[in-house]
Amino acid sequence: MGKLPKFTVADIKGVQGYPPTPAKEGADDPRARDTVDLDETARMIRQLIADGVDSIATNGTLGEMATLTLDEWKAFAATAWETARSINPDYPLFIGATTLNTRDTLERMRFLHDLGVPGVLLGRPMWSEMTAQGMIRFYRDVAETFPDMNIIVYDNTAAFRGVIPTPVYAALAEIPQVIAVKYAGGAAIGFRYHHDLQAVRGKVRLMLIETIWFLAYSLYPEESPACWSSTVACGPWPVLYLRDAIQSGRLEEARWVSERILWAHEPFLVSQDFTEFARYNTPLEKMRFNAAGYIKAGPSRPPYTFDIVPEKYVEGVREHVRRWQQVIEEVRQRTAARAAS
């Protein structure tokens, strides 16, 4: 790699997928070792790219960054990168490197840098809640250490104990390596998002979740050419249909599929109570991926295992997946009808 990062903010467009870290059977045993299903990892990356997902970011919360051993993370990262690179050396893949402190984060980034990985998905340390000054210093430190690696800032209001303040966004916009943010929360449209967009001045892409992407695009079309989506791991077609409708200017069709995506999410806990959802995030996500069948996500690793999830939330997952598969079929029918017209 050269002295400058590979990608710029202009490269962040369309759908950025957030897949799981596939696990072997028995990965829910606290004594298990070598739990990553590397064959499924490679197949998953190939499938997402083949189906048209524009970029991929790994190892956030549902990617089980908190529960992978260092060796497991290294094996997963190497497999994901080698697979993506074999398909397209310029594919935008960002591998998570979040840890509890700056030095461990830098060690993980060094491993990725040596592999040739162009960028990271990076949350801030969270054992103690960070101050605004601490956040800015953290991202400056890692960017200065690896000036040729891109950074997608990973924000999660539950995991990282609050929002990123607007003045921090203004400072992040001055770090060339920072090109996008996985913007937190399903209720993010409002004054906070408005002020944060003004703070970054187009230098950083603030990506919202697919469920509210169309709403953001309706208000801020120039600033909202991309979304993030974990639901692509249940089958990406409705989200890609939304992308294509937005990009081609078919806004009524984009509105229709956005409403269907929201309908499909109604039974899922995240749409009802985010604070409660955050307690069960990882197992609920892996449950829905497994139920959908697009990816074999496998068991959820301890301590966030399936058996801790109340049955009423499991039932919500089942209904959510049933609805999502219905929307997939509706999208297929509309796509076929449009092609035939």
C-alpha atoms as a PDB file:
ATOM      1  CA  MET A   1       0.000   0.000   0.000  1.00  0.00           C
ATOM      2  CA  GLY A   2       1.022   3.575  -0.593  1.00  0.00           C
ATOM      3  CA  LYS A   3       1.282   6.410   1.896  1.00  0.00           C
ATOM      4  CA  LEU A   4      -2.344   7.452   1.512  1.00  0.00           C
ATOM      5  CA  PRO A   5      -5.440   5.374   2.268  1.00  0.00           C
ATOM      6  CA  LYS A   6      -6.978   3.449  -0.604  1.00  0.00           C
ATOM      7  CA  PHE A   7     -10.494   4.856  -0.279  1.00  0.00           C
ATOM      8  CA  THR A   8     -12.118   8.261   0.106  1.00  0.00           C
ATOM      9  CA  VAL A   9     -15.563   9.317   1.281  1.00  0.00           C
ATOM     10  CA  ALA A  10     -16.732   9.124  -2.343  1.00  0.00           C
ATOM     11  CA  ASP A  11     -16.147   5.357  -2.303  1.00  0.00           C
ATOM     12  CA  ILE A  12     -18.679   4.862   0.490  1.00  0.00           C
ATOM     13  CA  LYS A  13     -21.951   4.446  -1.364  1.00  0.00           C
ATOM     14  CA  GLY A  14     -24.711   1.912  -1.683  1.00  0.00           C
ATOM     15  CA  VAL A  15     -25.040  -0.829   0.927  1.00  0.00           C
ATOM     16  CA  GLN A  16     -22.369  -1.684   3.477  1.00  0.00           C
ATOM     17  CA  GLY A  17     -23.039  -5.155   4.863  1.00  0.00           C
ATOM     18  CA  TYR A  18     -22.316  -6.230   8.440  1.00  0.00           C
ATOM     19  CA  PRO A  19     -22.116 -10.043   8.512  1.00  0.00           C
ATOM     20  CA  PRO A  20     -21.504 -12.364  11.474  1.00  0.00           C
ATOM     21  CA  THR A  21     -18.429 -14.401  12.318  1.00  0.00           C
ATOM     22  CA  PRO A  22     -19.590 -17.952  11.463  1.00  0.00           C
ATOM     23  CA  ALA A  23     -19.134 -20.438  14.283  1.00  0.00           C
ATOM     24  CA  LYS A  24     -18.646 -24.173  14.358  1.00  0.00           C
ATOM     25  CA  GLU A  25     -20.965 -26.415  16.321  1.00  0.00           C
ATOM     26  CA  GLY A  26     -19.977 -26.353  19.986  1.00  0.00           C
ATOM     27  CA  ALA A  27     -18.780 -22.747  19.856  1.00  0.00           C
ATOM     28  CA  ASP A  28     -21.195 -21.952  22.686  1.00  0.00           C
ATOM     29  CA  ASP A  29     -19.100 -24.079  25.071  1.00  0.00           C
ATOM     30  CA  PRO A  30     -16.916 -21.764  27.188  1.00  0.00           C
ATOM     31  CA  ARG A  31     -14.077 -24.289  26.899  1.00  0.00           C
ATOM     32  CA  ALA A  32     -14.231 -24.393  23.089  1.00  0.00           C
ATOM     33  CA  ARG A  33     -11.225 -23.345  21.023  1.00  0.00           C
ATOM     34  CA  ASP A  34     -10.802 -22.690  17.311  1.00  0.00           C
ATOM     35  CA  THR A  35     -14.509 -21.912  16.883  1.00  0.00           C
ATOM     36  CA  VAL A  36     -14.525 -19.997  13.590  1.00  0.00           C
ATOM     37  CA  ASP A  37     -16.024 -21.785  10.599  1.00  0.00           C
ATOM     38  CA  LEU A  38     -13.524 -20.597   8.014  1.00  0.00           C
ATOM     39  CA  ASP A  39     -15.159 -22.435   5.107  1.00  0.00           C
ATOM     40  CA  GLU A  40     -18.448 -20.684   5.791  1.00  0.00           C
ATOM     41  CA  THR A  41     -16.577 -17.410   6.279  1.00  0.00           C
ATOM     42  CA  ALA A  42     -15.137 -17.648   2.776  1.00  0.00           C
ATOM     43  CA  ARG A  43     -18.487 -18.708   1.297  1.00  0.00           C
ATOM     44  CA  MET A  44     -20.256 -15.843   3.096  1.00  0.00           C
ATOM     45  CA  ILE A  45     -17.878 -13.203   1.756  1.00  0.00           C
ATOM     46  CA  ARG A  46     -18.102 -14.621  -1.758  1.00  0.00           C
ATOM     47  CA  GLN A  47     -21.906 -14.703  -1.603  1.00  0.00           C
ATOM     48  CA  LEU A  48     -22.308 -11.146  -0.336  1.00  0.00           C
ATOM     49  CA  ILE A  49     -19.994  -9.816  -3.042  1.00  0.00           C
ATOM     50  CA  ALA A  50     -21.615 -11.912  -5.772  1.00  0.00           C
ATOM     51  CA  ASP A  51     -25.087 -10.718  -4.794  1.00  0.00           C
ATOM     52  CA  GLY A  52     -24.005  -7.089  -5.081  1.00  0.00           C
ATOM     53  CA  VAL A  53     -23.306  -5.768  -1.578  1.00  0.00           C
ATOM     54  CA  ASP A  54     -21.140  -2.697  -2.187  1.00  0.00           C
ATOM     55  CA  SER A  55     -18.817  -2.988   0.810  1.00  0.00           C
ATOM     56  CA  ILE A  56     -18.423  -5.106   3.935  1.00  0.00           C
ATOM     57  CA  ALA A  57     -17.437  -4.331   7.516  1.00  0.00           C
ATOM     58  CA  THR A  58     -16.797  -7.102  10.043  1.00  0.00           C
ATOM     59  CA  ASN A  59     -16.307  -7.728  13.757  1.00  0.00           C
ATOM     60  CA  GLY A  60     -18.602  -5.267  15.408  1.00  0.00           C
ATOM     61  CA  THR A  61     -21.054  -6.410  18.068  1.00  0.00           C
ATOM     62  CA  LEU A  62     -22.921  -9.006  16.027  1.00  0.00           C
ATOM     63  CA  GLY A  63     -19.553  -9.982  14.522  1.00  0.00           C
ATOM     64  CA  GLU A  64     -18.630 -11.072  18.045  1.00  0.00           C
ATOM     65  CA  MET A  65     -15.470  -9.029  18.381  1.00  0.00           C
ATOM     66  CA  ALA A  66     -15.915  -9.202  22.148  1.00  0.00           C
ATOM     67  CA  THR A  67     -16.001 -13.004  22.286  1.00  0.00           C
ATOM     68  CA  LEU A  68     -13.359 -14.088  19.763  1.00  0.00           C
ATOM     69  CA  THR A  69      -9.921 -15.099  20.954  1.00  0.00           C
ATOM     70  CA  LEU A  70      -7.023 -13.310  19.309  1.00  0.00           C
ATOM     71  CA  ASP A  71      -6.127 -16.396  17.242  1.00  0.00           C
ATOM     72  CA  GLU A  72      -9.740 -16.807  16.125  1.00  0.00           C
ATOM     73  CA  TRP A  73      -9.965 -13.172  15.099  1.00  0.00           C
ATOM     74  CA  LYS A  74      -6.735 -13.445  13.135  1.00  0.00           C
ATOM     75  CA  ALA A  75      -7.934 -16.559  11.308  1.00  0.00           C
ATOM     76  CA  PHE A  76     -11.271 -14.957  10.465  1.00  0.00           C
ATOM     77  CA  ALA A  77      -9.669 -11.683   9.346  1.00  0.00           C
ATOM     78  CA  ALA A  78      -7.167 -13.434   7.098  1.00  0.00           C
ATOM     79  CA  THR A  79      -9.833 -15.625   5.505  1.00  0.00           C
ATOM     80  CA  ALA A  80     -12.240 -12.747   4.924  1.00  0.00           C
ATOM     81  CA  TRP A  81      -9.514 -10.586   3.382  1.00  0.00           C
ATOM     82  CA  GLU A  82      -7.993 -13.288   1.194  1.00  0.00           C
ATOM     83  CA  THR A  83     -11.447 -14.212  -0.092  1.00  0.00           C
ATOM     84  CA  ALA A  84     -12.422 -10.641  -0.916  1.00  0.00           C
ATOM     85  CA  ARG A  85      -9.035  -9.913  -2.489  1.00  0.00           C
ATOM     86  CA  SER A  86      -9.242 -13.007  -4.692  1.00  0.00           C
ATOM     87  CA  ILE A  87     -12.501 -11.670  -6.134  1.00  0.00           C
ATOM     88  CA  ASN A  88     -11.585  -8.000  -6.358  1.00  0.00           C
ATOM     89  CA  PRO A  89      -8.318  -6.585  -4.958  1.00  0.00           C
ATOM     90  CA  ASP A  90     -10.022  -3.195  -4.644  1.00  0.00           C
ATOM     91  CA  TYR A  91     -13.135  -4.392  -2.850  1.00  0.00           C
ATOM     92  CA  PRO A  92     -13.947  -2.144   0.157  1.00  0.00           C
ATOM     93  CA  LEU A  93     -13.543  -4.519   3.106  1.00  0.00           C
ATOM     94  CA  PHE A  94     -13.135  -3.070   6.591  1.00  0.00           C
ATOM     95  CA  ILE A  95     -12.199  -5.475   9.371  1.00  0.00           C
ATOM     96  CA  GLY A  96     -13.041  -4.672  12.977  1.00  0.00           C
ATOM     97  CA  ALA A  97     -10.171  -3.994  15.354  1.00  0.00           C
ATOM     98  CA  THR A  98     -11.919  -2.616  18.438  1.00  0.00           C
ATOM     99  CA  THR A  99     -10.321  -3.452  21.807  1.00  0.00           C
ATOM    100  CA  LEU A 100     -10.366  -2.042  25.316  1.00  0.00           C
ATOM    101  CA  ASN A 101      -7.299   0.153  24.805  1.00  0.00           C
ATOM    102  CA  THR A 102      -5.207   1.953  22.229  1.00  0.00           C
ATOM    103  CA  ARG A 103      -2.160  -0.334  22.307  1.00  0.00           C
ATOM    104  CA  ASP A 104      -4.090  -3.545  21.684  1.00  0.00           C
ATOM    105  CA  THR A 105      -5.992  -1.808  18.907  1.00  0.00           C
ATOM    106  CA  LEU A 106      -2.716  -0.789  17.290  1.00  0.00           C
ATOM    107  CA  GLU A 107      -1.428  -4.362  17.504  1.00  0.00           C
ATOM    108  CA  ARG A 108      -4.509  -5.630  15.710  1.00  0.00           C
ATOM    109  CA  MET A 109      -4.222  -2.904  13.112  1.00  0.00           C
ATOM    110  CA  ARG A 110      -0.587  -3.856  12.604  1.00  0.00           C
ATOM    111  CA  PHE A 111      -1.658  -7.435  11.863  1.00  0.00           C
ATOM    112  CA  LEU A 112      -4.218  -6.205   9.329  1.00  0.00           C
ATOM    113  CA  HIS A 113      -1.762  -3.764   7.809  1.00  0.00           C
ATOM    114  CA  ASP A 114       0.757  -6.548   7.281  1.00  0.00           C
ATOM    115  CA  LEU A 115      -1.926  -8.604   5.526  1.00  0.00           C
ATOM    116  CA  GLY A 116      -2.656  -5.669   3.215  1.00  0.00           C
ATOM    117  CA  VAL A 117      -6.156  -4.959   4.539  1.00  0.00           C
ATOM    118  CA  PRO A 118      -7.041  -1.415   3.429  1.00  0.00           C
ATOM    119  CA  GLY A 119      -9.165  -0.351   6.363  1.00  0.00           C
ATOM    120  CA  VAL A 120     -10.725  -1.017   9.742  1.00  0.00           C
ATOM    121  CA  LEU A 121     -14.076  -0.759  11.452  1.00  0.00           C
ATOM    122  CA  LEU A 122     -13.077   0.862  14.699  1.00  0.00           C
ATOM    123  CA  GLY A 123     -14.971   1.601  17.880  1.00  0.00           C
ATOM    124  CA  ARG A 124     -13.458   3.411  20.828  1.00  0.00           C
ATOM    125  CA  PRO A 125     -12.361   1.815  24.111  1.00  0.00           C
ATOM    126  CA  MET A 126     -15.355   1.462  26.414  1.00  0.00           C
ATOM    127  CA  TRP A 127     -14.345   0.085  29.818  1.00  0.00           C
ATOM    128  CA  SER A 128     -14.664   3.656  31.054  1.00  0.00           C
ATOM    129  CA  GLU A 129     -16.818   6.116  29.143  1.00  0.00           C
ATOM    130  CA  MET A 130     -14.555   8.282  27.034  1.00  0.00           C
ATOM    131  CA  THR A 131     -14.580  12.062  27.091  1.00  0.00           C
ATOM    132  CA  ALA A 132     -14.786  14.043  23.877  1.00  0.00           C
ATOM    133  CA  GLN A 133     -11.090  14.880  24.173  1.00  0.00           C
ATOM    134  CA  GLY A 134     -10.278  11.212  24.706  1.00  0.00           C
ATOM    135  CA  MET A 135     -12.231  10.143  21.615  1.00  0.00           C
ATOM    136  CA  ILE A 136     -10.438  12.656  19.429  1.00  0.00           C
ATOM    137  CA  ARG A 137      -7.028  11.666  20.754  1.00  0.00           C
ATOM    138  CA  PHE A 138      -7.763   7.958  20.282  1.00  0.00           C
ATOM    139  CA  TYR A 139      -8.690   8.290  16.619  1.00  0.00           C
ATOM    140  CA  ARG A 140      -5.826  10.684  15.939  1.00  0.00           C
ATOM    141  CA  ASP A 141      -3.357   8.277  17.539  1.00  0.00           C
ATOM    142  CA  VAL A 142      -4.400   5.291  15.446  1.00  0.00           C
ATOM    143  CA  ALA A 143      -4.613   7.334  12.246  1.00  0.00           C
ATOM    144  CA  GLU A 144      -1.134   8.770  12.765  1.00  0.00           C
ATOM    145  CA  THR A 145       0.289   5.313  13.444  1.00  0.00           C
ATOM    146  CA  PHE A 146      -1.205   3.814  10.262  1.00  0.00           C
ATOM    147  CA  PRO A 147      -1.646   6.747   7.877  1.00  0.00           C
ATOM    148  CA  ASP A 148      -2.375   4.485   4.889  1.00  0.00           C
ATOM    149  CA  MET A 149      -5.311   2.654   6.473  1.00  0.00           C
ATOM    150  CA  ASN A 150      -8.896   3.853   6.174  1.00  0.00           C
ATOM    151  CA  ILE A 151     -11.108   4.062   9.253  1.00  0.00           C
ATOM    152  CA  ILE A 152     -14.846   3.472   9.487  1.00  0.00           C
ATOM    153  CA  VAL A 153     -15.832   4.749  12.921  1.00  0.00           C
ATOM    154  CA  TYR A 154     -18.044   2.231  14.676  1.00  0.00           C
ATOM    155  CA  ASP A 155     -20.595   3.923  16.887  1.00  0.00           C
ATOM    156  CA  ASN A 156     -22.962   2.023  19.176  1.00  0.00           C
ATOM    157  CA  THR A 157     -24.653   3.995  21.911  1.00  0.00           C
ATOM    158  CA  ALA A 158     -25.077   0.953  24.151  1.00  0.00           C
ATOM    159  CA  ALA A 159     -21.630  -0.581  23.735  1.00  0.00           C
ATOM    160  CA  PHE A 160     -19.727   2.700  23.882  1.00  0.00           C
ATOM    161  CA  ARG A 161     -21.803   4.366  26.595  1.00  0.00           C
ATOM    162  CA  GLY A 162     -23.366   7.237  24.744  1.00  0.00           C
ATOM    163  CA  VAL A 163     -23.240   9.228  21.535  1.00  0.00           C
ATOM    164  CA  ILE A 164     -20.285  10.808  19.808  1.00  0.00           C
ATOM    165  CA  PRO A 165     -20.681  14.548  20.494  1.00  0.00           C
ATOM    166  CA  THR A 166     -21.039  16.857  17.519  1.00  0.00           C
ATOM    167  CA  PRO A 167     -17.694  18.648  18.193  1.00  0.00           C
ATOM    168  CA  VAL A 168     -15.977  15.256  17.993  1.00  0.00           C
ATOM    169  CA  TYR A 169     -17.476  14.725  14.539  1.00  0.00           C
ATOM    170  CA  ALA A 170     -16.028  18.064  13.481  1.00  0.00           C
ATOM    171  CA  ALA A 171     -12.605  16.873  14.670  1.00  0.00           C
ATOM    172  CA  LEU A 172     -12.947  13.457  13.015  1.00  0.00           C
ATOM    173  CA  ALA A 173     -13.658  15.191   9.715  1.00  0.00           C
ATOM    174  CA  GLU A 174     -10.137  16.621   9.860  1.00  0.00           C
ATOM    175  CA  ILE A 175      -8.558  13.141  10.011  1.00  0.00           C
ATOM    176  CA  PRO A 176      -8.078  12.057   6.373  1.00  0.00           C
ATOM    177  CA  GLN A 177      -8.203   8.353   7.202  1.00  0.00           C
ATOM    178  CA  VAL A 178     -11.729   8.649   8.644  1.00  0.00           C
ATOM    179  CA  ILE A 179     -14.151   8.331   5.741  1.00  0.00           C
ATOM    180  CA  ALA A 180     -17.386   7.061   7.288  1.00  0.00           C
ATOM    181  CA  VAL A 181     -19.284   6.311  10.471  1.00  0.00           C
ATOM    182  CA  LYS A 182     -21.618   3.431  11.204  1.00  0.00           C
ATOM    183  CA  TYR A 183     -24.020   5.891  12.728  1.00  0.00           C
ATOM    184  CA  ALA A 184     -25.770   4.579  15.812  1.00  0.00           C
ATOM    185  CA  GLY A 185     -29.372   3.929  16.572  1.00  0.00           C
ATOM    186  CA  GLY A 186     -32.597   3.359  14.678  1.00  0.00           C
ATOM    187  CA  ALA A 187     -34.001   6.693  15.885  1.00  0.00           C
ATOM    188  CA  ALA A 188     -31.104   8.770  14.653  1.00  0.00           C
ATOM    189  CA  ILE A 189     -32.946  11.134  12.300  1.00  0.00           C
ATOM    190  CA  GLY A 190     -33.422  14.461  14.048  1.00  0.00           C
ATOM    191  CA  PHE A 191     -31.465  17.405  15.318  1.00  0.00           C
ATOM    192  CA  ARG A 192     -28.467  15.314  16.351  1.00  0.00           C
ATOM    193  CA  TYR A 193     -28.042  13.863  12.865  1.00  0.00           C
ATOM    194  CA  HIS A 194     -28.666  17.274  11.310  1.00  0.00           C
ATOM    195  CA  HIS A 195     -25.966  18.930  13.414  1.00  0.00           C
ATOM    196  CA  ASP A 196     -23.513  16.054  12.924  1.00  0.00           C
ATOM    197  CA  LEU A 197     -23.926  16.281   9.141  1.00  0.00           C
ATOM    198  CA  GLN A 198     -23.139  19.973   9.327  1.00  0.00           C
ATOM    199  CA  ALA A 199     -20.089  19.251  11.486  1.00  0.00           C
ATOM    200  CA  VAL A 200     -18.471  16.798   9.050  1.00  0.00           C
ATOM    201  CA  ARG A 201     -19.119  19.072   6.030  1.00  0.00           C
ATOM    202  CA  GLY A 202     -19.256  16.203   3.546  1.00  0.00           C
ATOM    203  CA  LYS A 203     -15.834  14.883   4.525  1.00  0.00           C
ATOM    204  CA  VAL A 204     -17.206  11.848   6.385  1.00  0.00           C
ATOM    205  CA  ARG A 205     -20.130   9.660   5.384  1.00  0.00           C
ATOM    206  CA  LEU A 206     -22.606   9.234   8.252  1.00  0.00           C
ATOM    207  CA  MET A 207     -24.290   5.941   7.363  1.00  0.00           C
ATOM    208  CA  LEU A 208     -27.709   5.163   8.802  1.00  0.00           C
ATOM    209  CA  ILE A 209     -29.312   1.745   9.093  1.00  0.00           C
ATOM    210  CA  GLU A 210     -31.280   0.528   6.087  1.00  0.00           C
ATOM    211  CA  THR A 211     -34.635   0.877   7.868  1.00  0.00           C
ATOM    212  CA  ILE A 212     -34.387   4.686   7.870  1.00  0.00           C
ATOM    213  CA  TRP A 213     -32.108   5.208   4.882  1.00  0.00           C
ATOM    214  CA  PHE A 214     -34.910   6.421   2.623  1.00  0.00           C
ATOM    215  CA  LEU A 215     -36.046   8.915   5.232  1.00  0.00           C
ATOM    216  CA  ALA A 216     -32.511  10.279   5.504  1.00  0.00           C
ATOM    217  CA  TYR A 217     -32.161  10.374   1.719  1.00  0.00           C
ATOM    218  CA  SER A 218     -35.447  12.275   1.429  1.00  0.00           C
ATOM    219  CA  LEU A 219     -34.086  14.995   3.707  1.00  0.00           C
ATOM    220  CA  TYR A 220     -30.388  14.915   2.763  1.00  0.00           C
ATOM    221  CA  PRO A 221     -29.939  13.320  -0.678  1.00  0.00           C
ATOM    222  CA  GLU A 222     -26.392  14.559  -1.238  1.00  0.00           C
ATOM    223  CA  GLU A 223     -25.201  13.425   2.178  1.00  0.00           C
ATOM    224  CA  SER A 224     -26.956  10.034   2.224  1.00  0.00           C
ATOM    225  CA  PRO A 225     -25.765   7.846  -0.676  1.00  0.00           C
ATOM    226  CA  ALA A 226     -24.993   4.890   1.630  1.00  0.00           C
ATOM    227  CA  CYS A 227     -26.491   2.836   4.427  1.00  0.00           C
ATOM    228  CA  TRP A 228     -25.298   0.069   6.702  1.00  0.00           C
ATOM    229  CA  SER A 229     -27.186  -3.180   7.047  1.00  0.00           C
ATOM    230  CA  SER A 230     -26.854  -6.291   9.145  1.00  0.00           C
ATOM    231  CA  THR A 231     -30.127  -7.581   7.668  1.00  0.00           C
ATOM    232  CA  VAL A 232     -28.304  -8.330   4.411  1.00  0.00           C
ATOM    233  CA  ALA A 233     -27.140 -11.455   6.255  1.00  0.00           C
ATOM    234  CA  CYS A 234     -30.775 -12.629   6.138  1.00  0.00           C
ATOM    235  CA  GLY A 235     -30.739 -12.239   2.350  1.00  0.00           C
ATOM    236  CA  PRO A 236     -29.721  -8.868   0.880  1.00  0.00           C
ATOM    237  CA  TRP A 237     -32.251  -8.438  -1.922  1.00  0.00           C
ATOM    238  CA  PRO A 238     -34.742  -5.996  -0.337  1.00  0.00           C
ATOM    239  CA  VAL A 239     -31.910  -3.693   0.767  1.00  0.00           C
ATOM    240  CA  LEU A 240     -30.262  -3.888  -2.657  1.00  0.00           C
ATOM    241  CA  TYR A 241     -33.633  -3.185  -4.275  1.00  0.00           C
ATOM    242  CA  LEU A 242     -33.888  -0.076  -2.106  1.00  0.00           C
ATOM    243  CA  ARG A 243     -30.396   0.961  -3.184  1.00  0.00           C
ATOM    244  CA  ASP A 244     -31.197   0.507  -6.859  1.00  0.00           C
ATOM    245  CA  ALA A 245     -34.459   2.431  -6.541  1.00  0.00           C
ATOM    246  CA  ILE A 246     -32.702   5.333  -4.831  1.00  0.00           C
ATOM    247  CA  GLN A 247     -29.817   5.389  -7.298  1.00  0.00           C
ATOM    248  CA  SER A 248     -32.140   5.302 -10.318  1.00  0.00           C
ATOM    249  CA  GLY A 249     -34.444   7.988  -8.964  1.00  0.00           C
ATOM    250  CA  ARG A 250     -37.461   5.683  -8.564  1.00  0.00           C
ATOM    251  CA  LEU A 251     -38.398   7.278  -5.280  1.00  0.00           C
ATOM    252  CA  GLU A 252     -41.940   5.913  -5.031  1.00  0.00           C
ATOM    253  CA  GLU A 253     -40.515   2.427  -5.378  1.00  0.00           C
ATOM    254  CA  ALA A 254     -37.895   3.273  -2.768  1.00  0.00           C
ATOM    255  CA  ARG A 255     -40.676   4.444  -0.460  1.00  0.00           C
ATOM    256  CA  TRP A 256     -42.610   1.213  -1.023  1.00  0.00           C
ATOM    257  CA  VAL A 257     -39.702  -1.110  -0.220  1.00  0.00           C
ATOM    258  CA  SER A 258     -38.692   1.034   2.768  1.00  0.00           C
ATOM    259  CA  GLU A 259     -42.169   0.600   4.198  1.00  0.00           C
ATOM    260  CA  ARG A 260     -41.957  -3.155   3.612  1.00  0.00           C
ATOM    261  CA  ILE A 261     -38.533  -3.311   5.299  1.00  0.00           C
ATOM    262  CA  LEU A 262     -39.945  -1.465   8.308  1.00  0.00           C
ATOM    263  CA  TRP A 263     -42.925  -3.837   8.387  1.00  0.00           C
ATOM    264  CA  ALA A 264     -40.589  -6.827   8.389  1.00  0.00           C
ATOM    265  CA  HIS A 265     -38.692  -5.400  11.372  1.00  0.00           C
ATOM    266  CA  GLU A 266     -41.770  -4.682  13.495  1.00  0.00           C
ATOM    267  CA  PRO A 267     -41.627  -7.981  15.455  1.00  0.00           C
ATOM    268  CA  PHE A 268     -37.863  -7.766  16.009  1.00  0.00           C
ATOM    269  CA  LEU A 269     -36.907  -6.422  19.429  1.00  0.00           C
ATOM    270  CA  VAL A 270     -34.594  -3.750  18.041  1.00  0.00           C
ATOM    271  CA  SER A 271     -37.608  -1.872  16.645  1.00  0.00           C
ATOM    272  CA  GLN A 272     -39.422  -1.957  19.986  1.00  0.00           C
ATOM    273  CA  ASP A 273     -36.889  -1.351  22.754  1.00  0.00           C
ATOM    274  CA  PHE A 274     -33.274  -0.673  21.806  1.00  0.00           C
ATOM    275  CA  THR A 275     -32.052  -0.677  25.405  1.00  0.00           C
ATOM    276  CA  GLU A 276     -33.512  -4.135  25.947  1.00  0.00           C
ATOM    277  CA  PHE A 277     -32.292  -5.301  22.531  1.00  0.00           C
ATOM    278  CA  ALA A 278     -28.737  -4.284  23.425  1.00  0.00           C
ATOM    279  CA  ARG A 279     -28.760  -6.877  26.219  1.00  0.00           C
ATOM    280  CA  TYR A 280     -29.366  -9.670  23.720  1.00  0.00           C
ATOM    281  CA  ASN A 281     -27.956  -8.169  20.538  1.00  0.00           C
ATOM    282  CA  THR A 282     -25.473 -10.864  19.514  1.00  0.00           C
ATOM    283  CA  PRO A 283     -27.595 -13.980  20.069  1.00  0.00           C
ATOM    284  CA  LEU A 284     -30.695 -12.369  18.557  1.00  0.00           C
ATOM    285  CA  GLU A 285     -28.769 -11.409  15.427  1.00  0.00           C
ATOM    286  CA  LYS A 286     -27.270 -14.870  15.007  1.00  0.00           C
ATOM    287  CA  MET A 287     -30.671 -16.449  15.593  1.00  0.00           C
ATOM    288  CA  ARG A 288     -32.207 -14.509  12.737  1.00  0.00           C
ATOM    289  CA  PHE A 289     -29.297 -15.222  10.399  1.00  0.00           C
ATOM    290  CA  ASN A 290     -29.567 -18.938  11.076  1.00  0.00           C
ATOM    291  CA  ALA A 291     -33.351 -18.889  10.671  1.00  0.00           C
ATOM    292  CA  ALA A 292     -33.126 -17.031   7.364  1.00  0.00           C
ATOM    293  CA  GLY A 293     -30.677 -19.585   5.959  1.00  0.00           C
ATOM    294  CA  TYR A 294     -28.633 -17.228   3.794  1.00  0.00           C
ATOM    295  CA  ILE A 295     -25.600 -17.618   6.081  1.00  0.00           C
ATOM    296  CA  LYS A 296     -24.826 -20.455   8.465  1.00  0.00           C
ATOM    297  CA  ALA A 297     -23.960 -18.257  11.418  1.00  0.00           C
ATOM    298  CA  GLY A 298     -23.751 -21.105  13.913  1.00  0.00           C
ATOM    299  CA  PRO A 299     -23.948 -20.788  17.708  1.00  0.00           C
ATOM    300  CA  SER A 300     -23.438 -17.560  19.612  1.00  0.00           C
ATOM    301  CA  ARG A 301     -20.269 -17.528  21.699  1.00  0.00           C
ATOM    302  CA  PRO A 302     -20.257 -17.204  25.502  1.00  0.00           C
ATOM    303  CA  PRO A 303     -21.241 -15.361  27.511  1.00  0.00           C
ATOM    304  CA  TYR A 304     -23.856 -14.143  24.989  1.00  0.00           C
ATOM    305  CA  THR A 305     -25.387 -17.528  24.167  1.00  0.00           C
ATOM    306  CA  PHE A 306     -28.818 -18.414  22.794  1.00  0.00           C
ATOM    307  CA  ASP A 307     -30.127 -19.820  26.061  1.00  0.00           C
ATOM    308  CA  ILE A 308     -30.085 -16.423  27.784  1.00  0.00           C
ATOM    309  CA  VAL A 309     -32.719 -14.999  25.395  1.00  0.00           C
ATOM    310  CA  PRO A 310     -36.340 -14.967  26.642  1.00  0.00           C
ATOM    311  CA  GLU A 311     -38.720 -17.007  24.492  1.00  0.00           C
ATOM    312  CA  LYS A 312     -40.900 -14.008  23.671  1.00  0.00           C
ATOM    313  CA  TYR A 313     -37.924 -12.400  21.924  1.00  0.00           C
ATOM    314  CA  VAL A 314     -37.123 -15.635  20.082  1.00  0.00           C
ATOM    315  CA  GLU A 315     -40.689 -15.693  18.766  1.00  0.00           C
ATOM    316  CA  GLY A 316     -40.206 -12.146  17.549  1.00  0.00           C
ATOM    317  CA  VAL A 317     -37.161 -13.306  15.595  1.00  0.00           C
ATOM    318  CA  ARG A 318     -39.190 -16.061  13.921  1.00  0.00           C
ATOM    319  CA  GLU A 319     -41.908 -13.658  12.834  1.00  0.00           C
ATOM    320  CA  HIS A 320     -39.360 -11.098  11.680  1.00  0.00           C
ATOM    321  CA  VAL A 321     -37.628 -13.684   9.474  1.00  0.00           C
ATOM    322  CA  ARG A 322     -40.963 -14.915   8.108  1.00  0.00           C
ATOM    323  CA  ARG A 323     -41.834 -11.353   7.111  1.00  0.00           C
ATOM    324  CA  TRP A 324     -38.375 -10.719   5.668  1.00  0.00           C
ATOM    325  CA  GLN A 325     -38.690 -13.766   3.434  1.00  0.00           C
ATOM    326  CA  GLN A 326     -42.081 -12.512   2.298  1.00  0.00           C
ATOM    327  CA  VAL A 327     -40.546  -9.153   1.356  1.00  0.00           C
ATOM    328  CA  ILE A 328     -37.784 -10.977  -0.536  1.00  0.00           C
ATOM    329  CA  GLU A 329     -40.454 -12.723  -2.611  1.00  0.00           C
ATOM    330  CA  GLU A 330     -42.314  -9.464  -3.214  1.00  0.00           C
ATOM    331  CA  VAL A 331     -39.106  -7.834  -4.406  1.00  0.00           C
ATOM    332  CA  ARG A 332     -38.394 -10.739  -6.740  1.00  0.00           C
ATOM    333  CA  GLN A 333     -41.869 -10.461  -8.250  1.00  0.00           C
ATOM    334  CA  ARG A 334     -41.563  -6.722  -8.792  1.00  0.00           C
ATOM    335  CA  THR A 335     -38.094  -7.144 -10.286  1.00  0.00           C
ATOM    336  CA  ALA A 336     -39.393  -9.777 -12.712  1.00  0.00           C
ATOM    337  CA  ALA A 337     -42.397  -7.662 -13.647  1.00  0.00           C
ATOM    338  CA  ARG A 338     -40.215  -4.646 -14.325  1.00  0.00           C
ATOM    339  CA  ALA A 339     -37.856  -6.708 -16.458  1.00  0.00           C
ATOM    340  CA  ALA A 340     -40.769  -8.056 -18.469  1.00  0.00           C
ATOM    341  CA  SER A 341     -42.365  -4.661 -19.086  1.00  0.00           C
END
